[in-house]
Amino acid sequence: MTALSLVTGIVFACAVYLLLQRRLLAVVLGIGLLGTGANLLVFAAGGLRAVPAFTDAAGMPMPGHADPVPQALVLTAIVIGFAVLAFALALALRAYRQLGDDDLPSWRGTEPPLEAHDDHVADPRPEDAAAEPHATGQHASHPPPGAHP
């Protein structure tokens, strides 16, 4: 077992621990660590090869060169992960300022109630179909199941 694989496992373990916390900041940091662990895993999987990707002018392998594809993937993933982490931190800061707390279970019931009817959206049903439902819960245009007209 190499040291890089051991570090990757520790990073993943820390990420899972942070994702299971109640505080929003810990969850966001856990998401960041999860991305870092995935990058380390890809980097470790594509490390030095026995047969290098590049050869010199004589066609002889150049020792000590790594495969560039995993490195390019990791570099791209780092940039995307940084952007996602910055966006998540901005959302977390906004939520903290709005609600005054970053404890996730205390946020239950803090969403505003849904509006019963929006004045800007017209009702697409005709007037008779928009009437009050019957006692069975069905509209006048839809008889209850099993009823024969």
N, C-alpha and C. Protein backbone atom coordinates (compact mmCIF):
# COMPACT_ATOMS: atom_id res chain seq x y z
N MET A 1 0.86 -1.18 0.00
CA MET A 1 0.00 0.00 0.00
C MET A 1 0.90 1.23 0.00
N THR A 2 0.65 2.10 -0.93
CA THR A 2 1.48 3.29 -1.01
C THR A 2 0.95 4.37 -0.09
N ALA A 3 1.79 5.35 0.13
CA ALA A 3 1.39 6.46 1.01
C ALA A 3 0.27 7.28 0.39
N LEU A 4 0.26 7.41 -0.94
CA LEU A 4 -0.78 8.21 -1.60
C LEU A 4 -2.15 7.56 -1.44
N SER A 5 -2.22 6.24 -1.53
CA SER A 5 -3.51 5.57 -1.34
C SER A 5 -3.98 5.67 0.11
N LEU A 6 -3.05 5.65 1.04
CA LEU A 6 -3.42 5.82 2.45
C LEU A 6 -3.95 7.23 2.70
N VAL A 7 -3.30 8.23 2.13
CA VAL A 7 -3.76 9.62 2.27
C VAL A 7 -5.13 9.79 1.62
N THR A 8 -5.33 9.14 0.47
CA THR A 8 -6.63 9.22 -0.21
C THR A 8 -7.73 8.64 0.67
N GLY A 9 -7.48 7.52 1.30
CA GLY A 9 -8.47 6.93 2.20
C GLY A 9 -8.77 7.81 3.39
N ILE A 10 -7.75 8.44 3.95
CA ILE A 10 -7.96 9.34 5.09
C ILE A 10 -8.78 10.56 4.67
N VAL A 11 -8.49 11.10 3.48
CA VAL A 11 -9.25 12.26 2.99
C VAL A 11 -10.71 11.87 2.78
N PHE A 12 -10.97 10.69 2.19
CA PHE A 12 -12.35 10.24 2.02
C PHE A 12 -13.04 10.05 3.36
N ALA A 13 -12.35 9.49 4.34
CA ALA A 13 -12.95 9.29 5.66
C ALA A 13 -13.30 10.62 6.32
N CYS A 14 -12.41 11.59 6.21
CA CYS A 14 -12.70 12.92 6.77
C CYS A 14 -13.87 13.57 6.04
N ALA A 15 -13.96 13.37 4.73
CA ALA A 15 -15.06 13.95 3.96
C ALA A 15 -16.39 13.36 4.39
N VAL A 16 -16.44 12.05 4.57
CA VAL A 16 -17.69 11.41 5.01
C VAL A 16 -18.06 11.88 6.40
N TYR A 17 -17.08 12.01 7.29
CA TYR A 17 -17.35 12.50 8.64
C TYR A 17 -17.95 13.91 8.59
N LEU A 18 -17.38 14.78 7.78
CA LEU A 18 -17.89 16.14 7.69
C LEU A 18 -19.27 16.19 7.03
N LEU A 19 -19.52 15.32 6.06
CA LEU A 19 -20.83 15.30 5.41
C LEU A 19 -21.94 14.88 6.36
N LEU A 20 -21.60 14.15 7.40
CA LEU A 20 -22.61 13.67 8.35
C LEU A 20 -22.84 14.63 9.52
N GLN A 21 -22.23 15.79 9.50
CA GLN A 21 -22.39 16.76 10.58
C GLN A 21 -23.66 17.58 10.42
N ARG A 22 -24.05 18.27 11.47
CA ARG A 22 -25.27 19.08 11.45
C ARG A 22 -25.04 20.49 10.94
N ARG A 23 -23.83 20.96 10.98
CA ARG A 23 -23.53 22.34 10.57
C ARG A 23 -23.32 22.42 9.06
N LEU A 24 -23.86 23.47 8.45
CA LEU A 24 -23.79 23.64 7.01
C LEU A 24 -22.35 23.83 6.54
N LEU A 25 -21.56 24.58 7.28
CA LEU A 25 -20.17 24.81 6.88
C LEU A 25 -19.39 23.49 6.85
N ALA A 26 -19.64 22.61 7.80
CA ALA A 26 -18.97 21.31 7.81
C ALA A 26 -19.39 20.48 6.60
N VAL A 27 -20.66 20.56 6.21
CA VAL A 27 -21.13 19.81 5.04
C VAL A 27 -20.48 20.35 3.78
N VAL A 28 -20.37 21.66 3.65
CA VAL A 28 -19.74 22.26 2.47
C VAL A 28 -18.26 21.88 2.42
N LEU A 29 -17.58 21.92 3.54
CA LEU A 29 -16.17 21.51 3.57
C LEU A 29 -16.03 20.02 3.27
N GLY A 30 -17.00 19.21 3.69
CA GLY A 30 -16.98 17.79 3.37
C GLY A 30 -17.13 17.55 1.88
N ILE A 31 -17.95 18.36 1.21
CA ILE A 31 -18.08 18.25 -0.24
C ILE A 31 -16.74 18.59 -0.91
N GLY A 32 -16.08 19.61 -0.42
CA GLY A 32 -14.77 19.97 -0.97
C GLY A 32 -13.75 18.87 -0.76
N LEU A 33 -13.73 18.27 0.42
CA LEU A 33 -12.80 17.18 0.69
C LEU A 33 -13.12 15.94 -0.13
N LEU A 34 -14.40 15.71 -0.39
CA LEU A 34 -14.79 14.58 -1.22
C LEU A 34 -14.24 14.74 -2.64
N GLY A 35 -14.31 15.95 -3.17
CA GLY A 35 -13.72 16.21 -4.48
C GLY A 35 -12.22 16.05 -4.48
N THR A 36 -11.58 16.49 -3.41
CA THR A 36 -10.13 16.34 -3.29
C THR A 36 -9.74 14.86 -3.23
N GLY A 37 -10.51 14.07 -2.49
CA GLY A 37 -10.23 12.64 -2.42
C GLY A 37 -10.40 11.96 -3.77
N ALA A 38 -11.42 12.38 -4.52
CA ALA A 38 -11.61 11.81 -5.87
C ALA A 38 -10.45 12.19 -6.78
N ASN A 39 -9.96 13.42 -6.66
CA ASN A 39 -8.81 13.84 -7.46
C ASN A 39 -7.56 13.03 -7.10
N LEU A 40 -7.35 12.81 -5.82
CA LEU A 40 -6.20 12.00 -5.40
C LEU A 40 -6.31 10.57 -5.91
N LEU A 41 -7.53 10.04 -5.91
CA LEU A 41 -7.74 8.68 -6.39
C LEU A 41 -7.41 8.56 -7.88
N VAL A 42 -7.88 9.52 -8.67
CA VAL A 42 -7.58 9.49 -10.11
C VAL A 42 -6.09 9.68 -10.34
N PHE A 43 -5.49 10.58 -9.58
CA PHE A 43 -4.05 10.83 -9.73
C PHE A 43 -3.23 9.59 -9.36
N ALA A 44 -3.64 8.91 -8.29
CA ALA A 44 -2.92 7.71 -7.87
C ALA A 44 -3.11 6.57 -8.88
N ALA A 45 -4.29 6.47 -9.46
CA ALA A 45 -4.55 5.42 -10.42
C ALA A 45 -3.78 5.63 -11.72
N GLY A 46 -3.52 6.87 -12.08
CA GLY A 46 -2.81 7.15 -13.32
C GLY A 46 -1.38 7.56 -13.11
N GLY A 47 -0.76 7.10 -12.06
CA GLY A 47 0.61 7.49 -11.73
C GLY A 47 1.63 7.04 -12.75
N LEU A 48 2.86 6.82 -12.33
CA LEU A 48 3.94 6.40 -13.23
C LEU A 48 3.65 5.01 -13.79
N ARG A 49 3.94 4.86 -15.08
CA ARG A 49 3.72 3.59 -15.75
C ARG A 49 5.05 2.89 -16.02
N ALA A 50 4.95 1.59 -16.27
CA ALA A 50 6.14 0.85 -16.66
C ALA A 50 6.55 1.25 -18.09
N VAL A 51 5.56 1.49 -18.93
CA VAL A 51 5.82 1.94 -20.30
C VAL A 51 5.41 3.41 -20.38
N PRO A 52 6.34 4.33 -20.54
CA PRO A 52 5.99 5.75 -20.57
C PRO A 52 5.13 6.10 -21.78
N ALA A 53 4.39 7.19 -21.66
CA ALA A 53 3.53 7.65 -22.74
C ALA A 53 4.34 8.29 -23.86
N PHE A 54 5.52 8.80 -23.56
CA PHE A 54 6.33 9.50 -24.55
C PHE A 54 7.65 8.75 -24.78
N THR A 55 8.16 8.88 -26.01
CA THR A 55 9.46 8.30 -26.35
C THR A 55 10.34 9.40 -26.92
N ASP A 56 11.63 9.16 -26.91
CA ASP A 56 12.55 10.15 -27.48
C ASP A 56 12.63 9.97 -29.00
N ALA A 57 13.53 10.69 -29.65
CA ALA A 57 13.65 10.65 -31.12
C ALA A 57 14.03 9.27 -31.62
N ALA A 58 14.75 8.51 -30.84
CA ALA A 58 15.17 7.18 -31.26
C ALA A 58 14.11 6.12 -30.99
N GLY A 59 12.97 6.52 -30.42
CA GLY A 59 11.90 5.57 -30.11
C GLY A 59 12.07 4.89 -28.78
N MET A 60 13.05 5.31 -28.01
CA MET A 60 13.29 4.73 -26.69
C MET A 60 12.38 5.42 -25.67
N PRO A 61 11.84 4.65 -24.73
CA PRO A 61 10.98 5.27 -23.72
C PRO A 61 11.76 6.23 -22.83
N MET A 62 11.11 7.32 -22.49
CA MET A 62 11.71 8.31 -21.59
C MET A 62 11.26 7.98 -20.18
N PRO A 63 12.16 7.49 -19.35
CA PRO A 63 11.75 7.06 -18.00
C PRO A 63 11.35 8.26 -17.14
N GLY A 64 10.42 7.97 -16.21
CA GLY A 64 10.02 8.99 -15.25
C GLY A 64 8.91 9.92 -15.71
N HIS A 65 8.30 9.63 -16.85
CA HIS A 65 7.21 10.47 -17.33
C HIS A 65 5.87 9.79 -17.02
N ALA A 66 4.96 10.58 -16.52
CA ALA A 66 3.65 10.05 -16.18
C ALA A 66 2.68 10.23 -17.35
N ASP A 67 1.59 9.50 -17.31
CA ASP A 67 0.54 9.62 -18.31
C ASP A 67 -0.13 10.98 -18.13
N PRO A 68 -0.22 11.80 -19.18
CA PRO A 68 -0.77 13.15 -19.01
C PRO A 68 -2.29 13.21 -18.91
N VAL A 69 -3.00 12.16 -19.32
CA VAL A 69 -4.47 12.22 -19.32
C VAL A 69 -5.03 12.32 -17.89
N PRO A 70 -4.62 11.47 -16.94
CA PRO A 70 -5.15 11.65 -15.58
C PRO A 70 -4.77 13.01 -14.98
N GLN A 71 -3.60 13.51 -15.32
CA GLN A 71 -3.21 14.82 -14.79
C GLN A 71 -4.11 15.92 -15.35
N ALA A 72 -4.46 15.83 -16.63
CA ALA A 72 -5.36 16.81 -17.23
C ALA A 72 -6.76 16.71 -16.63
N LEU A 73 -7.20 15.49 -16.39
CA LEU A 73 -8.52 15.31 -15.76
C LEU A 73 -8.54 15.88 -14.35
N VAL A 74 -7.49 15.64 -13.59
CA VAL A 74 -7.43 16.15 -12.23
C VAL A 74 -7.37 17.68 -12.22
N LEU A 75 -6.61 18.25 -13.13
CA LEU A 75 -6.53 19.71 -13.21
C LEU A 75 -7.89 20.31 -13.54
N THR A 76 -8.60 19.71 -14.46
CA THR A 76 -9.95 20.18 -14.79
C THR A 76 -10.89 20.01 -13.61
N ALA A 77 -10.79 18.88 -12.92
CA ALA A 77 -11.66 18.64 -11.76
C ALA A 77 -11.36 19.60 -10.63
N ILE A 78 -10.11 20.00 -10.47
CA ILE A 78 -9.76 20.98 -9.43
C ILE A 78 -10.43 22.31 -9.71
N VAL A 79 -10.39 22.74 -10.96
CA VAL A 79 -10.99 24.03 -11.32
C VAL A 79 -12.51 23.98 -11.13
N ILE A 80 -13.14 22.91 -11.59
CA ILE A 80 -14.58 22.78 -11.43
C ILE A 80 -14.96 22.66 -9.96
N GLY A 81 -14.19 21.87 -9.21
CA GLY A 81 -14.46 21.72 -7.77
C GLY A 81 -14.32 23.03 -7.02
N PHE A 82 -13.34 23.84 -7.39
CA PHE A 82 -13.18 25.14 -6.75
C PHE A 82 -14.38 26.04 -7.03
N ALA A 83 -14.87 26.02 -8.27
CA ALA A 83 -16.04 26.84 -8.62
C ALA A 83 -17.28 26.38 -7.86
N VAL A 84 -17.48 25.08 -7.77
CA VAL A 84 -18.64 24.56 -7.05
C VAL A 84 -18.53 24.87 -5.55
N LEU A 85 -17.33 24.75 -5.01
CA LEU A 85 -17.13 25.05 -3.59
C LEU A 85 -17.37 26.53 -3.30
N ALA A 86 -16.91 27.42 -4.18
CA ALA A 86 -17.15 28.85 -4.00
C ALA A 86 -18.64 29.15 -4.06
N PHE A 87 -19.36 28.53 -4.98
CA PHE A 87 -20.80 28.73 -5.09
C PHE A 87 -21.51 28.21 -3.84
N ALA A 88 -21.12 27.04 -3.37
CA ALA A 88 -21.74 26.47 -2.17
C ALA A 88 -21.45 27.33 -0.94
N LEU A 89 -20.25 27.87 -0.83
CA LEU A 89 -19.95 28.77 0.30
C LEU A 89 -20.77 30.05 0.22
N ALA A 90 -20.98 30.58 -1.00
CA ALA A 90 -21.81 31.77 -1.15
C ALA A 90 -23.25 31.47 -0.74
N LEU A 91 -23.77 30.31 -1.12
CA LEU A 91 -25.12 29.92 -0.71
C LEU A 91 -25.21 29.73 0.80
N ALA A 92 -24.18 29.12 1.38
CA ALA A 92 -24.18 28.90 2.83
C ALA A 92 -24.13 30.23 3.57
N LEU A 93 -23.33 31.18 3.08
CA LEU A 93 -23.27 32.50 3.72
C LEU A 93 -24.61 33.21 3.62
N ARG A 94 -25.25 33.11 2.46
CA ARG A 94 -26.57 33.73 2.28
C ARG A 94 -27.60 33.10 3.22
N ALA A 95 -27.58 31.79 3.33
CA ALA A 95 -28.51 31.10 4.21
C ALA A 95 -28.25 31.47 5.67
N TYR A 96 -26.99 31.58 6.05
CA TYR A 96 -26.67 31.95 7.43
C TYR A 96 -27.15 33.37 7.74
N ARG A 97 -26.94 34.28 6.80
CA ARG A 97 -27.41 35.66 7.02
C ARG A 97 -28.93 35.74 7.05
N GLN A 98 -29.59 34.92 6.24
CA GLN A 98 -31.05 34.95 6.17
C GLN A 98 -31.68 34.32 7.40
N LEU A 99 -31.13 33.18 7.85
CA LEU A 99 -31.75 32.42 8.93
C LEU A 99 -31.09 32.63 10.29
N GLY A 100 -29.86 33.14 10.30
CA GLY A 100 -29.19 33.43 11.56
C GLY A 100 -28.56 32.21 12.22
N ASP A 101 -28.56 31.07 11.56
CA ASP A 101 -27.99 29.86 12.14
C ASP A 101 -27.57 28.94 11.01
N ASP A 102 -26.53 28.13 11.24
CA ASP A 102 -26.13 27.18 10.22
C ASP A 102 -26.38 25.74 10.65
N ASP A 103 -27.25 25.55 11.65
CA ASP A 103 -27.62 24.23 12.11
C ASP A 103 -28.74 23.71 11.20
N LEU A 104 -28.44 22.67 10.40
CA LEU A 104 -29.39 22.22 9.38
C LEU A 104 -30.72 21.71 9.95
N PRO A 105 -30.75 20.93 11.03
CA PRO A 105 -32.06 20.49 11.53
C PRO A 105 -32.95 21.63 12.03
N SER A 106 -32.36 22.75 12.43
CA SER A 106 -33.19 23.87 12.90
C SER A 106 -33.84 24.61 11.75
N TRP A 107 -33.50 24.28 10.52
CA TRP A 107 -34.09 24.96 9.37
C TRP A 107 -35.44 24.38 8.97
N ARG A 108 -35.86 23.30 9.59
CA ARG A 108 -37.14 22.70 9.23
C ARG A 108 -38.26 23.70 9.53
N GLY A 109 -39.13 23.88 8.55
CA GLY A 109 -40.26 24.78 8.72
C GLY A 109 -39.94 26.24 8.48
N THR A 110 -38.76 26.55 7.97
CA THR A 110 -38.42 27.95 7.74
C THR A 110 -38.75 28.43 6.34
N GLU A 111 -39.18 27.51 5.45
CA GLU A 111 -39.52 27.95 4.11
C GLU A 111 -40.87 28.67 4.14
N PRO A 112 -41.04 29.67 3.30
CA PRO A 112 -42.31 30.41 3.30
C PRO A 112 -43.42 29.53 2.74
N PRO A 113 -44.66 29.77 3.20
CA PRO A 113 -45.77 28.95 2.68
C PRO A 113 -46.02 29.27 1.21
N LEU A 114 -46.52 28.27 0.51
CA LEU A 114 -46.85 28.46 -0.90
C LEU A 114 -48.09 29.33 -1.03
N GLU A 115 -48.11 30.16 -2.04
CA GLU A 115 -49.27 30.99 -2.31
C GLU A 115 -50.37 30.10 -2.87
N ALA A 116 -51.62 30.36 -2.45
CA ALA A 116 -52.73 29.56 -2.92
C ALA A 116 -53.01 29.83 -4.40
N HIS A 117 -52.89 31.07 -4.81
CA HIS A 117 -53.18 31.41 -6.20
C HIS A 117 -52.32 32.61 -6.58
N ASP A 118 -51.67 32.51 -7.69
CA ASP A 118 -50.84 33.60 -8.17
C ASP A 118 -51.65 34.45 -9.13
N ASP A 119 -51.69 35.77 -8.93
CA ASP A 119 -52.49 36.65 -9.77
C ASP A 119 -51.94 36.77 -11.17
N HIS A 120 -50.67 36.46 -11.37
CA HIS A 120 -50.05 36.62 -12.68
C HIS A 120 -50.30 35.42 -13.60
N VAL A 121 -50.73 34.29 -13.04
CA VAL A 121 -50.94 33.09 -13.83
C VAL A 121 -52.43 32.85 -13.95
N ALA A 122 -52.94 32.78 -15.16
CA ALA A 122 -54.36 32.55 -15.39
C ALA A 122 -54.67 31.07 -15.20
N ASP A 123 -55.89 30.77 -14.74
CA ASP A 123 -56.33 29.40 -14.55
C ASP A 123 -56.68 28.82 -15.91
N PRO A 124 -55.99 27.75 -16.34
CA PRO A 124 -56.23 27.21 -17.69
C PRO A 124 -57.53 26.42 -17.80
N ARG A 125 -58.20 26.10 -16.67
CA ARG A 125 -59.42 25.31 -16.73
C ARG A 125 -60.60 26.19 -17.11
N PRO A 126 -61.60 25.63 -17.78
CA PRO A 126 -62.81 26.40 -18.04
C PRO A 126 -63.56 26.68 -16.75
N GLU A 127 -64.49 27.60 -16.80
CA GLU A 127 -65.22 28.03 -15.59
C GLU A 127 -65.93 26.88 -14.90
N ASP A 128 -66.61 25.99 -15.66
CA ASP A 128 -67.36 24.92 -15.01
C ASP A 128 -66.43 23.86 -14.39
N ALA A 129 -65.25 23.67 -14.94
CA ALA A 129 -64.30 22.70 -14.38
C ALA A 129 -63.61 23.25 -13.15
N ALA A 130 -63.58 24.57 -13.00
CA ALA A 130 -62.94 25.18 -11.85
C ALA A 130 -63.88 25.26 -10.65
N ALA A 131 -65.09 24.74 -10.78
CA ALA A 131 -66.08 24.78 -9.69
C ALA A 131 -65.60 23.92 -8.53
N GLU A 132 -66.30 24.06 -7.41
CA GLU A 132 -65.95 23.31 -6.20
C GLU A 132 -66.06 21.81 -6.46
N PRO A 133 -65.16 21.01 -5.92
CA PRO A 133 -65.25 19.56 -6.10
C PRO A 133 -66.41 18.97 -5.32
N HIS A 134 -66.86 17.80 -5.76
CA HIS A 134 -67.93 17.08 -5.06
C HIS A 134 -67.41 16.52 -3.75
N ALA A 135 -68.26 15.90 -3.01
CA ALA A 135 -67.86 15.31 -1.73
C ALA A 135 -66.87 14.18 -1.93
N THR A 136 -66.85 13.57 -3.11
CA THR A 136 -65.91 12.47 -3.36
C THR A 136 -64.53 12.99 -3.70
N GLY A 137 -64.40 14.30 -3.87
CA GLY A 137 -63.10 14.85 -4.22
C GLY A 137 -62.90 14.97 -5.71
N GLN A 138 -63.91 14.66 -6.52
CA GLN A 138 -63.81 14.73 -7.97
C GLN A 138 -64.51 15.98 -8.47
N HIS A 139 -64.02 16.54 -9.55
CA HIS A 139 -64.65 17.69 -10.16
C HIS A 139 -65.89 17.25 -10.92
N ALA A 140 -66.75 18.21 -11.24
CA ALA A 140 -68.00 17.90 -11.94
C ALA A 140 -67.75 17.29 -13.30
N SER A 141 -66.68 17.65 -13.96
CA SER A 141 -66.40 17.11 -15.29
C SER A 141 -65.79 15.71 -15.23
N HIS A 142 -65.43 15.25 -14.06
CA HIS A 142 -64.83 13.93 -13.89
C HIS A 142 -65.62 13.14 -12.85
N PRO A 143 -66.48 12.21 -13.28
CA PRO A 143 -67.23 11.43 -12.29
C PRO A 143 -66.32 10.47 -11.55
N PRO A 144 -66.73 10.04 -10.35
CA PRO A 144 -65.90 9.11 -9.58
C PRO A 144 -65.73 7.80 -10.34
N PRO A 145 -64.63 7.07 -10.05
CA PRO A 145 -64.41 5.80 -10.74
C PRO A 145 -65.53 4.82 -10.46
N GLY A 146 -65.95 4.09 -11.49
CA GLY A 146 -67.01 3.09 -11.33
C GLY A 146 -68.40 3.64 -11.55
N ALA A 147 -68.55 4.97 -11.63
CA ALA A 147 -69.87 5.55 -11.85
C ALA A 147 -70.18 5.54 -13.34
N HIS A 148 -71.44 5.19 -13.66
CA HIS A 148 -71.86 5.16 -15.06
C HIS A 148 -72.68 6.40 -15.34
N PRO A 149 -72.43 7.10 -16.43
CA PRO A 149 -73.23 8.30 -16.73
C PRO A 149 -74.59 8.01 -17.23
